[in-house]
Amino acid sequence: MKRVPRAIAEQFFVRQSYLFSEAARERLGRLRIAIFGLGCSGSPIAEMFARVGFNWLYLVDPDTVEVSNLNRQSLYVWQDLGKKKAVVAVNRLHSIRPMMHVRGYDKPEKFVRSRTFADVDVIVDCCDDHVFKVKLNRVAEKLGRPLVHTSSFGLRGTVAIFEHGDAYYEEFFRLPSFGLPLRMVNPSVFAGYHRRVAALVGRGVYPRRLVNLIAKGLEKHQVIAPTNYVAGSLVVSEVVKRFVWRKRRPARIQTMVSFDLMSNSMSREVPRRIR
């Protein structure tokens, strides 16, 4: 964090100053958010959180920047190739807004066990490892922390927020790991799940060879940048509405926001069981 004169720092938010009350600005300043996965969704989400005014961000990703990341991950440029995403992301956000607190971690498992994680207010799940998603879901539920889930594929995406007292990620989406002891959760558990997801997302829209890859869990994030940015915008706006603009907080009806840029449609729905 770099010290910036107050008068200059306040100018950063002059174009949104009438959208936030004094109490809302205080909540923006003290809410602590952990983002797991700094890829196609986590990258624009982290940037938008910083620009909106969230003051405490913890960025978690074990990967390094690759060439294939650059077409859809907004925090990275060519000169970042081979560098740790967590390190690059911290530096990039500080270059945008030097007065914020942002820290990077490249060991997700270790961070989840840390005291810092225990003090986090909101957890954002943008990781693509199903086994770790399950672990993160169960830790969030145990701690009673809100868990924000987002996923995108092609021109479609989903965003869901699970709060304490609700069914969390595993139960909500009826994942095959639901009800299993954590020691039994491994990649093979999701083999059938990939096939059912392929049947749902195919629907004659995507090429058959791509649907076949999804069925095997090998699709490698076939998505374009606009889809990620829409998903990211929904995540940030939902967090602002629920945890900053508390007077405008929507009723806690367990729904998932789904969008399809192919048909320019958006809906809130309870996802059907896929098993």
Foldseek 3Di string as FASTA:
>chain_A
DDDDPPVVLVVLCPVCVVVADPQLLVLQAPAAEEEADQALQNQLLLLVSLSVRRFHYEYEAQDFDDPVRPQRRPQDDPVRGPPGPQVSSVVSSCVVPVRGHYHYYNDVVVVLPDPVVLPHAEYEYPDDAPLVVVVVQVSCQVSQHKYWYKDDAAQKIKIFIDGHPGDTDCVLQVQQCPPPPSVPDDPVSCLQVQLLVLVVPPPPPDDPVLSVCSSRVRNVRHYGNVSSNVRSVVRVVLCCQVRRVPVNHDDPDGWMWMAGPVVRDIDTHRDDHSD
